[in-house]
Amino acid sequence: MSSIRQEKVAKLIQQELALIFQQNAKVHFGGAFITVTVVRMSPDLGAARAYLSYFANSGSDKKEFIEMIRSKTSKIRGLLGNVVGKQLRIVPELYFYLDDSLDYAEEIDNLLKE
């Protein structure tokens, strides 16, 4: 169970990451439409697990996409630090994961239709 502070910081990180991905999509992320679905904070607020969903213009693989995002983690964290640096004492370490909940829901829906 997360505390109120964890939830507030997670919401702040989620909003700011969404803006970073929106503003830098063309330059850094190959024009992919990236959505930050969930952010979960560690109890000490030193680490944030961000779950991403994306829609790419080109036919890139999911593994390639998440590896590209992970390779740019330090750049993303720097951009995040510029925005939330005055609100948080420590800019959390970022860990990115692919959110496959939509794929899972679609699979369940297909199974129910059969």
PDB file of N, CA and C in Angstrom:
ATOM      1  N   MET A   1       0.840  -1.174   0.000  1.00  0.00           N
ATOM      2  CA  MET A   1       0.000   0.000   0.000  1.00  0.00           C
ATOM      3  C   MET A   1       0.884   1.235   0.000  1.00  0.00           C
ATOM      4  N   SER A   2       0.592   2.162  -0.874  1.00  0.00           N
ATOM      5  CA  SER A   2       1.418   3.349  -0.968  1.00  0.00           C
ATOM      6  C   SER A   2       0.830   4.490  -0.135  1.00  0.00           C
ATOM      7  N   SER A   3       1.714   5.365   0.304  1.00  0.00           N
ATOM      8  CA  SER A   3       1.287   6.492   1.125  1.00  0.00           C
ATOM      9  C   SER A   3       0.746   7.609   0.232  1.00  0.00           C
ATOM     10  N   ILE A   4       0.151   8.576   0.862  1.00  0.00           N
ATOM     11  CA  ILE A   4      -0.393   9.721   0.126  1.00  0.00           C
ATOM     12  C   ILE A   4       0.728  10.481  -0.574  1.00  0.00           C
ATOM     13  N   ARG A   5       1.861  10.622   0.106  1.00  0.00           N
ATOM     14  CA  ARG A   5       3.006  11.320  -0.483  1.00  0.00           C
ATOM     15  C   ARG A   5       3.507  10.579  -1.723  1.00  0.00           C
ATOM     16  N   GLN A   6       3.589   9.254  -1.659  1.00  0.00           N
ATOM     17  CA  GLN A   6       4.013   8.467  -2.812  1.00  0.00           C
ATOM     18  C   GLN A   6       3.058   8.673  -3.987  1.00  0.00           C
ATOM     19  N   GLU A   7       1.779   8.694  -3.703  1.00  0.00           N
ATOM     20  CA  GLU A   7       0.790   8.873  -4.758  1.00  0.00           C
ATOM     21  C   GLU A   7       0.888  10.262  -5.389  1.00  0.00           C
ATOM     22  N   LYS A   8       1.103  11.284  -4.571  1.00  0.00           N
ATOM     23  CA  LYS A   8       1.232  12.647  -5.097  1.00  0.00           C
ATOM     24  C   LYS A   8       2.468  12.793  -5.969  1.00  0.00           C
ATOM     25  N   VAL A   9       3.579  12.243  -5.506  1.00  0.00           N
ATOM     26  CA  VAL A   9       4.818  12.325  -6.284  1.00  0.00           C
ATOM     27  C   VAL A   9       4.687  11.508  -7.565  1.00  0.00           C
ATOM     28  N   ALA A  10       4.053  10.348  -7.485  1.00  0.00           N
ATOM     29  CA  ALA A  10       3.850   9.518  -8.671  1.00  0.00           C
ATOM     30  C   ALA A  10       3.016  10.255  -9.708  1.00  0.00           C
ATOM     31  N   LYS A  11       1.976  10.942  -9.264  1.00  0.00           N
ATOM     32  CA  LYS A  11       1.121  11.699 -10.184  1.00  0.00           C
ATOM     33  C   LYS A  11       1.908  12.844 -10.837  1.00  0.00           C
ATOM     34  N   LEU A  12       2.725  13.531 -10.038  1.00  0.00           N
ATOM     35  CA  LEU A  12       3.556  14.605 -10.569  1.00  0.00           C
ATOM     36  C   LEU A  12       4.533  14.079 -11.616  1.00  0.00           C
ATOM     37  N   ILE A  13       5.211  12.971 -11.309  1.00  0.00           N
ATOM     38  CA  ILE A  13       6.167  12.370 -12.235  1.00  0.00           C
ATOM     39  C   ILE A  13       5.453  11.927 -13.507  1.00  0.00           C
ATOM     40  N   GLN A  14       4.272  11.333 -13.369  1.00  0.00           N
ATOM     41  CA  GLN A  14       3.516  10.871 -14.523  1.00  0.00           C
ATOM     42  C   GLN A  14       3.161  12.032 -15.452  1.00  0.00           C
ATOM     43  N   GLN A  15       2.679  13.134 -14.881  1.00  0.00           N
ATOM     44  CA  GLN A  15       2.306  14.293 -15.696  1.00  0.00           C
ATOM     45  C   GLN A  15       3.512  14.895 -16.405  1.00  0.00           C
ATOM     46  N   GLU A  16       4.607  15.027 -15.685  1.00  0.00           N
ATOM     47  CA  GLU A  16       5.788  15.655 -16.279  1.00  0.00           C
ATOM     48  C   GLU A  16       6.448  14.751 -17.319  1.00  0.00           C
ATOM     49  N   LEU A  17       6.467  13.447 -17.079  1.00  0.00           N
ATOM     50  CA  LEU A  17       7.003  12.527 -18.083  1.00  0.00           C
ATOM     51  C   LEU A  17       6.151  12.558 -19.347  1.00  0.00           C
ATOM     52  N   ALA A  18       4.841  12.637 -19.183  1.00  0.00           N
ATOM     53  CA  ALA A  18       3.947  12.709 -20.340  1.00  0.00           C
ATOM     54  C   ALA A  18       4.263  13.949 -21.178  1.00  0.00           C
ATOM     55  N   LEU A  19       4.489  15.072 -20.515  1.00  0.00           N
ATOM     56  CA  LEU A  19       4.845  16.294 -21.249  1.00  0.00           C
ATOM     57  C   LEU A  19       6.196  16.161 -21.946  1.00  0.00           C
ATOM     58  N   ILE A  20       7.160  15.537 -21.270  1.00  0.00           N
ATOM     59  CA  ILE A  20       8.481  15.339 -21.870  1.00  0.00           C
ATOM     60  C   ILE A  20       8.370  14.473 -23.118  1.00  0.00           C
ATOM     61  N   PHE A  21       7.625  13.379 -23.026  1.00  0.00           N
ATOM     62  CA  PHE A  21       7.462  12.502 -24.189  1.00  0.00           C
ATOM     63  C   PHE A  21       6.695  13.200 -25.307  1.00  0.00           C
ATOM     64  N   GLN A  22       5.734  14.024 -24.950  1.00  0.00           N
ATOM     65  CA  GLN A  22       4.947  14.733 -25.959  1.00  0.00           C
ATOM     66  C   GLN A  22       5.791  15.782 -26.675  1.00  0.00           C
ATOM     67  N   GLN A  23       6.567  16.544 -25.927  1.00  0.00           N
ATOM     68  CA  GLN A  23       7.346  17.627 -26.519  1.00  0.00           C
ATOM     69  C   GLN A  23       8.559  17.129 -27.301  1.00  0.00           C
ATOM     70  N   ASN A  24       9.116  15.984 -26.921  1.00  0.00           N
ATOM     71  CA  ASN A  24      10.338  15.505 -27.550  1.00  0.00           C
ATOM     72  C   ASN A  24      10.140  14.272 -28.417  1.00  0.00           C
ATOM     73  N   ALA A  25       8.915  13.942 -28.751  1.00  0.00           N
ATOM     74  CA  ALA A  25       8.629  12.710 -29.492  1.00  0.00           C
ATOM     75  C   ALA A  25       9.314  12.698 -30.858  1.00  0.00           C
ATOM     76  N   LYS A  26       9.249  13.795 -31.564  1.00  0.00           N
ATOM     77  CA  LYS A  26       9.800  13.833 -32.905  1.00  0.00           C
ATOM     78  C   LYS A  26      11.320  13.754 -32.894  1.00  0.00           C
ATOM     79  N   VAL A  27      11.946  14.463 -31.973  1.00  0.00           N
ATOM     80  CA  VAL A  27      13.402  14.555 -31.943  1.00  0.00           C
ATOM     81  C   VAL A  27      14.048  13.300 -31.374  1.00  0.00           C
ATOM     82  N   HIS A  28      13.575  12.840 -30.227  1.00  0.00           N
ATOM     83  CA  HIS A  28      14.272  11.781 -29.507  1.00  0.00           C
ATOM     84  C   HIS A  28      13.643  10.394 -29.639  1.00  0.00           C
ATOM     85  N   PHE A  29      12.369  10.300 -29.953  1.00  0.00           N
ATOM     86  CA  PHE A  29      11.681   9.011 -29.879  1.00  0.00           C
ATOM     87  C   PHE A  29      11.077   8.570 -31.206  1.00  0.00           C
ATOM     88  N   GLY A  30      11.594   9.065 -32.292  1.00  0.00           N
ATOM     89  CA  GLY A  30      11.166   8.615 -33.608  1.00  0.00           C
ATOM     90  C   GLY A  30       9.721   8.904 -33.949  1.00  0.00           C
ATOM     91  N   GLY A  31       9.145   9.928 -33.358  1.00  0.00           N
ATOM     92  CA  GLY A  31       7.774  10.300 -33.659  1.00  0.00           C
ATOM     93  C   GLY A  31       6.720   9.395 -33.051  1.00  0.00           C
ATOM     94  N   ALA A  32       7.116   8.525 -32.134  1.00  0.00           N
ATOM     95  CA  ALA A  32       6.155   7.617 -31.496  1.00  0.00           C
ATOM     96  C   ALA A  32       5.263   8.390 -30.530  1.00  0.00           C
ATOM     97  N   PHE A  33       4.016   7.979 -30.473  1.00  0.00           N
ATOM     98  CA  PHE A  33       3.064   8.557 -29.522  1.00  0.00           C
ATOM     99  C   PHE A  33       3.157   7.730 -28.253  1.00  0.00           C
ATOM    100  N   ILE A  34       3.745   8.307 -27.195  1.00  0.00           N
ATOM    101  CA  ILE A  34       4.017   7.582 -25.963  1.00  0.00           C
ATOM    102  C   ILE A  34       3.090   8.068 -24.866  1.00  0.00           C
ATOM    103  N   THR A  35       2.466   7.121 -24.180  1.00  0.00           N
ATOM    104  CA  THR A  35       1.582   7.428 -23.070  1.00  0.00           C
ATOM    105  C   THR A  35       2.161   6.827 -21.796  1.00  0.00           C
ATOM    106  N   VAL A  36       2.210   7.622 -20.743  1.00  0.00           N
ATOM    107  CA  VAL A  36       2.640   7.136 -19.440  1.00  0.00           C
ATOM    108  C   VAL A  36       1.378   6.678 -18.715  1.00  0.00           C
ATOM    109  N   THR A  37       1.191   5.362 -18.616  1.00  0.00           N
ATOM    110  CA  THR A  37      -0.056   4.848 -18.054  1.00  0.00           C
ATOM    111  C   THR A  37      -0.047   4.855 -16.533  1.00  0.00           C
ATOM    112  N   VAL A  38       1.062   4.423 -15.923  1.00  0.00           N
ATOM    113  CA  VAL A  38       1.145   4.336 -14.472  1.00  0.00           C
ATOM    114  C   VAL A  38       2.573   4.653 -14.038  1.00  0.00           C
ATOM    115  N   VAL A  39       2.699   5.327 -12.903  1.00  0.00           N
ATOM    116  CA  VAL A  39       3.997   5.509 -12.258  1.00  0.00           C
ATOM    117  C   VAL A  39       3.854   5.032 -10.824  1.00  0.00           C
ATOM    118  N   ARG A  40       4.772   4.184 -10.411  1.00  0.00           N
ATOM    119  CA  ARG A  40       4.777   3.683  -9.034  1.00  0.00           C
ATOM    120  C   ARG A  40       6.087   4.093  -8.382  1.00  0.00           C
ATOM    121  N   MET A  41       5.981   4.688  -7.199  1.00  0.00           N
ATOM    122  CA  MET A  41       7.152   5.184  -6.477  1.00  0.00           C
ATOM    123  C   MET A  41       7.582   4.189  -5.405  1.00  0.00           C
ATOM    124  N   SER A  42       8.881   4.153  -5.154  1.00  0.00           N
ATOM    125  CA  SER A  42       9.392   3.361  -4.032  1.00  0.00           C
ATOM    126  C   SER A  42       9.071   4.104  -2.738  1.00  0.00           C
ATOM    127  N   PRO A  43       9.083   3.414  -1.599  1.00  0.00           N
ATOM    128  CA  PRO A  43       8.741   4.084  -0.333  1.00  0.00           C
ATOM    129  C   PRO A  43       9.639   5.264   0.020  1.00  0.00           C
ATOM    130  N   ASP A  44      10.914   5.226  -0.401  1.00  0.00           N
ATOM    131  CA  ASP A  44      11.816   6.337  -0.093  1.00  0.00           C
ATOM    132  C   ASP A  44      11.792   7.427  -1.169  1.00  0.00           C
ATOM    133  N   LEU A  45      10.931   7.283  -2.178  1.00  0.00           N
ATOM    134  CA  LEU A  45      10.774   8.221  -3.289  1.00  0.00           C
ATOM    135  C   LEU A  45      12.052   8.359  -4.123  1.00  0.00           C
ATOM    136  N   GLY A  46      12.935   7.378  -4.043  1.00  0.00           N
ATOM    137  CA  GLY A  46      14.190   7.430  -4.777  1.00  0.00           C
ATOM    138  C   GLY A  46      14.141   6.716  -6.113  1.00  0.00           C
ATOM    139  N   ALA A  47      13.076   5.975  -6.369  1.00  0.00           N
ATOM    140  CA  ALA A  47      12.950   5.240  -7.627  1.00  0.00           C
ATOM    141  C   ALA A  47      11.511   5.304  -8.116  1.00  0.00           C
ATOM    142  N   ALA A  48      11.373   5.464  -9.408  1.00  0.00           N
ATOM    143  CA  ALA A  48      10.045   5.508 -10.021  1.00  0.00           C
ATOM    144  C   ALA A  48       9.998   4.480 -11.143  1.00  0.00           C
ATOM    145  N   ARG A  49       8.983   3.626 -11.105  1.00  0.00           N
ATOM    146  CA  ARG A  49       8.749   2.666 -12.177  1.00  0.00           C
ATOM    147  C   ARG A  49       7.636   3.221 -13.052  1.00  0.00           C
ATOM    148  N   ALA A  50       7.986   3.559 -14.283  1.00  0.00           N
ATOM    149  CA  ALA A  50       7.017   4.135 -15.210  1.00  0.00           C
ATOM    150  C   ALA A  50       6.630   3.088 -16.246  1.00  0.00           C
ATOM    151  N   TYR A  51       5.340   2.898 -16.416  1.00  0.00           N
ATOM    152  CA  TYR A  51       4.817   1.957 -17.395  1.00  0.00           C
ATOM    153  C   TYR A  51       4.333   2.751 -18.602  1.00  0.00           C
ATOM    154  N   LEU A  52       4.851   2.377 -19.773  1.00  0.00           N
ATOM    155  CA  LEU A  52       4.603   3.139 -20.991  1.00  0.00           C
ATOM    156  C   LEU A  52       3.800   2.321 -21.991  1.00  0.00           C
ATOM    157  N   SER A  53       2.937   3.011 -22.689  1.00  0.00           N
ATOM    158  CA  SER A  53       2.213   2.455 -23.819  1.00  0.00           C
ATOM    159  C   SER A  53       2.564   3.335 -25.013  1.00  0.00           C
ATOM    160  N   TYR A  54       2.677   2.738 -26.197  1.00  0.00           N
ATOM    161  CA  TYR A  54       3.079   3.565 -27.330  1.00  0.00           C
ATOM    162  C   TYR A  54       2.379   3.148 -28.606  1.00  0.00           C
ATOM    163  N   PHE A  55       2.365   4.083 -29.530  1.00  0.00           N
ATOM    164  CA  PHE A  55       1.882   3.857 -30.882  1.00  0.00           C
ATOM    165  C   PHE A  55       2.926   4.445 -31.805  1.00  0.00           C
ATOM    166  N   ALA A  56       3.606   3.596 -32.554  1.00  0.00           N
ATOM    167  CA  ALA A  56       4.700   4.057 -33.406  1.00  0.00           C
ATOM    168  C   ALA A  56       4.236   4.194 -34.844  1.00  0.00           C
ATOM    169  N   ASN A  57       4.808   5.191 -35.528  1.00  0.00           N
ATOM    170  CA  ASN A  57       4.515   5.372 -36.950  1.00  0.00           C
ATOM    171  C   ASN A  57       5.162   4.257 -37.767  1.00  0.00           C
ATOM    172  N   SER A  58       6.398   3.923 -37.420  1.00  0.00           N
ATOM    173  CA  SER A  58       7.084   2.845 -38.117  1.00  0.00           C
ATOM    174  C   SER A  58       6.813   1.543 -37.376  1.00  0.00           C
ATOM    175  N   GLY A  59       7.053   0.438 -38.019  1.00  0.00           N
ATOM    176  CA  GLY A  59       6.769  -0.862 -37.424  1.00  0.00           C
ATOM    177  C   GLY A  59       7.872  -1.334 -36.487  1.00  0.00           C
ATOM    178  N   SER A  60       8.149  -0.590 -35.448  1.00  0.00           N
ATOM    179  CA  SER A  60       9.211  -0.987 -34.529  1.00  0.00           C
ATOM    180  C   SER A  60       8.703  -2.042 -33.547  1.00  0.00           C
ATOM    181  N   ASP A  61       9.610  -2.891 -33.142  1.00  0.00           N
ATOM    182  CA  ASP A  61       9.304  -3.966 -32.211  1.00  0.00           C
ATOM    183  C   ASP A  61       9.198  -3.399 -30.797  1.00  0.00           C
ATOM    184  N   LYS A  62       8.433  -4.072 -29.948  1.00  0.00           N
ATOM    185  CA  LYS A  62       8.250  -3.605 -28.569  1.00  0.00           C
ATOM    186  C   LYS A  62       9.558  -3.638 -27.792  1.00  0.00           C
ATOM    187  N   LYS A  63      10.366  -4.684 -28.011  1.00  0.00           N
ATOM    188  CA  LYS A  63      11.645  -4.777 -27.311  1.00  0.00           C
ATOM    189  C   LYS A  63      12.576  -3.651 -27.752  1.00  0.00           C
ATOM    190  N   GLU A  64      12.592  -3.368 -29.047  1.00  0.00           N
ATOM    191  CA  GLU A  64      13.432  -2.278 -29.557  1.00  0.00           C
ATOM    192  C   GLU A  64      12.995  -0.948 -28.967  1.00  0.00           C
ATOM    193  N   PHE A  65      11.693  -0.758 -28.865  1.00  0.00           N
ATOM    194  CA  PHE A  65      11.166   0.497 -28.336  1.00  0.00           C
ATOM    195  C   PHE A  65      11.591   0.701 -26.889  1.00  0.00           C
ATOM    196  N   ILE A  66      11.392  -0.305 -26.052  1.00  0.00           N
ATOM    197  CA  ILE A  66      11.707  -0.142 -24.628  1.00  0.00           C
ATOM    198  C   ILE A  66      13.210  -0.023 -24.426  1.00  0.00           C
ATOM    199  N   GLU A  67      14.010  -0.690 -25.248  1.00  0.00           N
ATOM    200  CA  GLU A  67      15.471  -0.546 -25.151  1.00  0.00           C
ATOM    201  C   GLU A  67      15.897   0.861 -25.550  1.00  0.00           C
ATOM    202  N   MET A  68      15.241   1.437 -26.560  1.00  0.00           N
ATOM    203  CA  MET A  68      15.545   2.806 -26.971  1.00  0.00           C
ATOM    204  C   MET A  68      15.222   3.784 -25.851  1.00  0.00           C
ATOM    205  N   ILE A  69      14.083   3.587 -25.193  1.00  0.00           N
ATOM    206  CA  ILE A  69      13.705   4.453 -24.075  1.00  0.00           C
ATOM    207  C   ILE A  69      14.696   4.289 -22.924  1.00  0.00           C
ATOM    208  N   ARG A  70      15.046   3.054 -22.612  1.00  0.00           N
ATOM    209  CA  ARG A  70      15.982   2.806 -21.511  1.00  0.00           C
ATOM    210  C   ARG A  70      17.364   3.380 -21.798  1.00  0.00           C
ATOM    211  N   SER A  71      17.769   3.400 -23.060  1.00  0.00           N
ATOM    212  CA  SER A  71      19.072   3.970 -23.394  1.00  0.00           C
ATOM    213  C   SER A  71      19.087   5.492 -23.216  1.00  0.00           C
ATOM    214  N   LYS A  72      17.925   6.101 -23.229  1.00  0.00           N
ATOM    215  CA  LYS A  72      17.821   7.558 -23.078  1.00  0.00           C
ATOM    216  C   LYS A  72      17.332   7.957 -21.685  1.00  0.00           C
ATOM    217  N   THR A  73      17.419   7.034 -20.727  1.00  0.00           N
ATOM    218  CA  THR A  73      16.926   7.297 -19.376  1.00  0.00           C
ATOM    219  C   THR A  73      17.608   8.487 -18.728  1.00  0.00           C
ATOM    220  N   SER A  74      18.931   8.608 -18.892  1.00  0.00           N
ATOM    221  CA  SER A  74      19.638   9.717 -18.249  1.00  0.00           C
ATOM    222  C   SER A  74      19.205  11.060 -18.840  1.00  0.00           C
ATOM    223  N   LYS A  75      18.976  11.104 -20.146  1.00  0.00           N
ATOM    224  CA  LYS A  75      18.490  12.333 -20.792  1.00  0.00           C
ATOM    225  C   LYS A  75      17.086  12.685 -20.281  1.00  0.00           C
ATOM    226  N   ILE A  76      16.217  11.675 -20.183  1.00  0.00           N
ATOM    227  CA  ILE A  76      14.851  11.893 -19.703  1.00  0.00           C
ATOM    228  C   ILE A  76      14.874  12.357 -18.254  1.00  0.00           C
ATOM    229  N   ARG A  77      15.733  11.730 -17.440  1.00  0.00           N
ATOM    230  CA  ARG A  77      15.828  12.112 -16.027  1.00  0.00           C
ATOM    231  C   ARG A  77      16.338  13.544 -15.892  1.00  0.00           C
ATOM    232  N   GLY A  78      17.264  13.943 -16.759  1.00  0.00           N
ATOM    233  CA  GLY A  78      17.755  15.325 -16.739  1.00  0.00           C
ATOM    234  C   GLY A  78      16.659  16.317 -17.074  1.00  0.00           C
ATOM    235  N   LEU A  79      15.865  16.000 -18.093  1.00  0.00           N
ATOM    236  CA  LEU A  79      14.742  16.871 -18.456  1.00  0.00           C
ATOM    237  C   LEU A  79      13.720  16.932 -17.330  1.00  0.00           C
ATOM    238  N   LEU A  80      13.487  15.785 -16.688  1.00  0.00           N
ATOM    239  CA  LEU A  80      12.556  15.740 -15.559  1.00  0.00           C
ATOM    240  C   LEU A  80      13.088  16.565 -14.393  1.00  0.00           C
ATOM    241  N   GLY A  81      14.375  16.476 -14.136  1.00  0.00           N
ATOM    242  CA  GLY A  81      14.994  17.234 -13.054  1.00  0.00           C
ATOM    243  C   GLY A  81      14.882  18.734 -13.253  1.00  0.00           C
ATOM    244  N   ASN A  82      14.944  19.179 -14.506  1.00  0.00           N
ATOM    245  CA  ASN A  82      14.789  20.606 -14.792  1.00  0.00           C
ATOM    246  C   ASN A  82      13.400  21.103 -14.420  1.00  0.00           C
ATOM    247  N   VAL A  83      12.413  20.228 -14.518  1.00  0.00           N
ATOM    248  CA  VAL A  83      11.030  20.627 -14.257  1.00  0.00           C
ATOM    249  C   VAL A  83      10.655  20.476 -12.783  1.00  0.00           C
ATOM    250  N   VAL A  84      11.007  19.331 -12.189  1.00  0.00           N
ATOM    251  CA  VAL A  84      10.551  19.057 -10.821  1.00  0.00           C
ATOM    252  C   VAL A  84      11.649  19.286  -9.783  1.00  0.00           C
ATOM    253  N   GLY A  85      12.762  19.834 -10.179  1.00  0.00           N
ATOM    254  CA  GLY A  85      13.885  20.019  -9.268  1.00  0.00           C
ATOM    255  C   GLY A  85      13.571  20.879  -8.064  1.00  0.00           C
ATOM    256  N   LYS A  86      12.689  21.834  -8.192  1.00  0.00           N
ATOM    257  CA  LYS A  86      12.323  22.707  -7.071  1.00  0.00           C
ATOM    258  C   LYS A  86      11.234  22.104  -6.188  1.00  0.00           C
ATOM    259  N   GLN A  87      10.543  21.084  -6.691  1.00  0.00           N
ATOM    260  CA  GLN A  87       9.443  20.480  -5.934  1.00  0.00           C
ATOM    261  C   GLN A  87       9.873  19.236  -5.170  1.00  0.00           C
ATOM    262  N   LEU A  88      10.911  18.564  -5.654  1.00  0.00           N
ATOM    263  CA  LEU A  88      11.376  17.338  -5.015  1.00  0.00           C
ATOM    264  C   LEU A  88      12.824  17.506  -4.572  1.00  0.00           C
ATOM    265  N   ARG A  89      13.140  16.910  -3.455  1.00  0.00           N
ATOM    266  CA  ARG A  89      14.512  16.998  -2.962  1.00  0.00           C
ATOM    267  C   ARG A  89      15.448  16.161  -3.829  1.00  0.00           C
ATOM    268  N   ILE A  90      14.980  14.975  -4.223  1.00  0.00           N
ATOM    269  CA  ILE A  90      15.764  14.072  -5.052  1.00  0.00           C
ATOM    270  C   ILE A  90      14.944  13.732  -6.293  1.00  0.00           C
ATOM    271  N   VAL A  91      15.566  13.860  -7.461  1.00  0.00           N
ATOM    272  CA  VAL A  91      14.907  13.404  -8.677  1.00  0.00           C
ATOM    273  C   VAL A  91      15.076  11.883  -8.705  1.00  0.00           C
ATOM    274  N   PRO A  92      13.986  11.142  -8.744  1.00  0.00           N
ATOM    275  CA  PRO A  92      14.082   9.682  -8.625  1.00  0.00           C
ATOM    276  C   PRO A  92      14.758   9.037  -9.831  1.00  0.00           C
ATOM    277  N   GLU A  93      15.363   7.880  -9.568  1.00  0.00           N
ATOM    278  CA  GLU A  93      15.862   7.041 -10.650  1.00  0.00           C
ATOM    279  C   GLU A  93      14.649   6.552 -11.428  1.00  0.00           C
ATOM    280  N   LEU A  94      14.766   6.500 -12.739  1.00  0.00           N
ATOM    281  CA  LEU A  94      13.636   6.095 -13.570  1.00  0.00           C
ATOM    282  C   LEU A  94      13.865   4.701 -14.142  1.00  0.00           C
ATOM    283  N   TYR A  95      12.853   3.877 -14.043  1.00  0.00           N
ATOM    284  CA  TYR A  95      12.868   2.540 -14.620  1.00  0.00           C
ATOM    285  C   TYR A  95      11.639   2.424 -15.503  1.00  0.00           C
ATOM    286  N   PHE A  96      11.860   2.124 -16.777  1.00  0.00           N
ATOM    287  CA  PHE A  96      10.758   2.078 -17.736  1.00  0.00           C
ATOM    288  C   PHE A  96      10.389   0.640 -18.070  1.00  0.00           C
ATOM    289  N   TYR A  97       9.082   0.413 -18.127  1.00  0.00           N
ATOM    290  CA  TYR A  97       8.534  -0.889 -18.479  1.00  0.00           C
ATOM    291  C   TYR A  97       7.432  -0.680 -19.502  1.00  0.00           C
ATOM    292  N   LEU A  98       7.235  -1.689 -20.327  1.00  0.00           N
ATOM    293  CA  LEU A  98       6.172  -1.630 -21.317  1.00  0.00           C
ATOM    294  C   LEU A  98       4.868  -2.074 -20.676  1.00  0.00           C
ATOM    295  N   ASP A  99       3.838  -1.270 -20.808  1.00  0.00           N
ATOM    296  CA  ASP A  99       2.529  -1.600 -20.251  1.00  0.00           C
ATOM    297  C   ASP A  99       1.777  -2.453 -21.271  1.00  0.00           C
ATOM    298  N   ASP A 100       1.572  -3.702 -20.933  1.00  0.00           N
ATOM    299  CA  ASP A 100       0.892  -4.611 -21.846  1.00  0.00           C
ATOM    300  C   ASP A 100      -0.544  -4.900 -21.419  1.00  0.00           C
ATOM    301  N   SER A 101      -1.110  -4.042 -20.599  1.00  0.00           N
ATOM    302  CA  SER A 101      -2.472  -4.279 -20.115  1.00  0.00           C
ATOM    303  C   SER A 101      -3.497  -4.202 -21.243  1.00  0.00           C
ATOM    304  N   LEU A 102      -3.277  -3.354 -22.249  1.00  0.00           N
ATOM    305  CA  LEU A 102      -4.212  -3.282 -23.376  1.00  0.00           C
ATOM    306  C   LEU A 102      -4.161  -4.558 -24.204  1.00  0.00           C
ATOM    307  N   ASP A 103      -2.955  -5.094 -24.411  1.00  0.00           N
ATOM    308  CA  ASP A 103      -2.825  -6.362 -25.138  1.00  0.00           C
ATOM    309  C   ASP A 103      -3.506  -7.486 -24.371  1.00  0.00           C
ATOM    310  N   TYR A 104      -3.341  -7.478 -23.065  1.00  0.00           N
ATOM    311  CA  TYR A 104      -3.952  -8.499 -22.214  1.00  0.00           C
ATOM    312  C   TYR A 104      -5.485  -8.397 -22.280  1.00  0.00           C
ATOM    313  N   ALA A 105      -6.002  -7.193 -22.213  1.00  0.00           N
ATOM    314  CA  ALA A 105      -7.455  -6.995 -22.279  1.00  0.00           C
ATOM    315  C   ALA A 105      -7.995  -7.430 -23.638  1.00  0.00           C
ATOM    316  N   GLU A 106      -7.272  -7.149 -24.698  1.00  0.00           N
ATOM    317  CA  GLU A 106      -7.695  -7.551 -26.032  1.00  0.00           C
ATOM    318  C   GLU A 106      -7.689  -9.074 -26.167  1.00  0.00           C
ATOM    319  N   GLU A 107      -6.685  -9.704 -25.579  1.00  0.00           N
ATOM    320  CA  GLU A 107      -6.619 -11.181 -25.620  1.00  0.00           C
ATOM    321  C   GLU A 107      -7.800 -11.794 -24.871  1.00  0.00           C
ATOM    322  N   ILE A 108      -8.121 -11.249 -23.714  1.00  0.00           N
ATOM    323  CA  ILE A 108      -9.273 -11.740 -22.941  1.00  0.00           C
ATOM    324  C   ILE A 108     -10.563 -11.538 -23.727  1.00  0.00           C
ATOM    325  N   ASP A 109     -10.698 -10.386 -24.371  1.00  0.00           N
ATOM    326  CA  ASP A 109     -11.887 -10.101 -25.158  1.00  0.00           C
ATOM    327  C   ASP A 109     -12.027 -11.092 -26.310  1.00  0.00           C
ATOM    328  N   ASN A 110     -10.925 -11.398 -26.979  1.00  0.00           N
ATOM    329  CA  ASN A 110     -10.958 -12.360 -28.077  1.00  0.00           C
ATOM    330  C   ASN A 110     -11.337 -13.749 -27.586  1.00  0.00           C
ATOM    331  N   LEU A 111     -10.822 -14.134 -26.417  1.00  0.00           N
ATOM    332  CA  LEU A 111     -11.169 -15.431 -25.849  1.00  0.00           C
ATOM    333  C   LEU A 111     -12.639 -15.517 -25.492  1.00  0.00           C
ATOM    334  N   LEU A 112     -13.197 -14.417 -25.001  1.00  0.00           N
ATOM    335  CA  LEU A 112     -14.623 -14.418 -24.641  1.00  0.00           C
ATOM    336  C   LEU A 112     -15.508 -14.474 -25.887  1.00  0.00           C
ATOM    337  N   LYS A 113     -15.047 -13.929 -27.001  1.00  0.00           N
ATOM    338  CA  LYS A 113     -15.833 -13.945 -28.224  1.00  0.00           C
ATOM    339  C   LYS A 113     -15.899 -15.346 -28.823  1.00  0.00           C
ATOM    340  N   GLU A 114     -14.892 -16.169 -28.559  1.00  0.00           N
ATOM    341  CA  GLU A 114     -14.842 -17.523 -29.140  1.00  0.00           C
ATOM    342  C   GLU A 114     -15.819 -18.472 -28.540  1.00  0.00           C
TER     343      GLU A 114
END
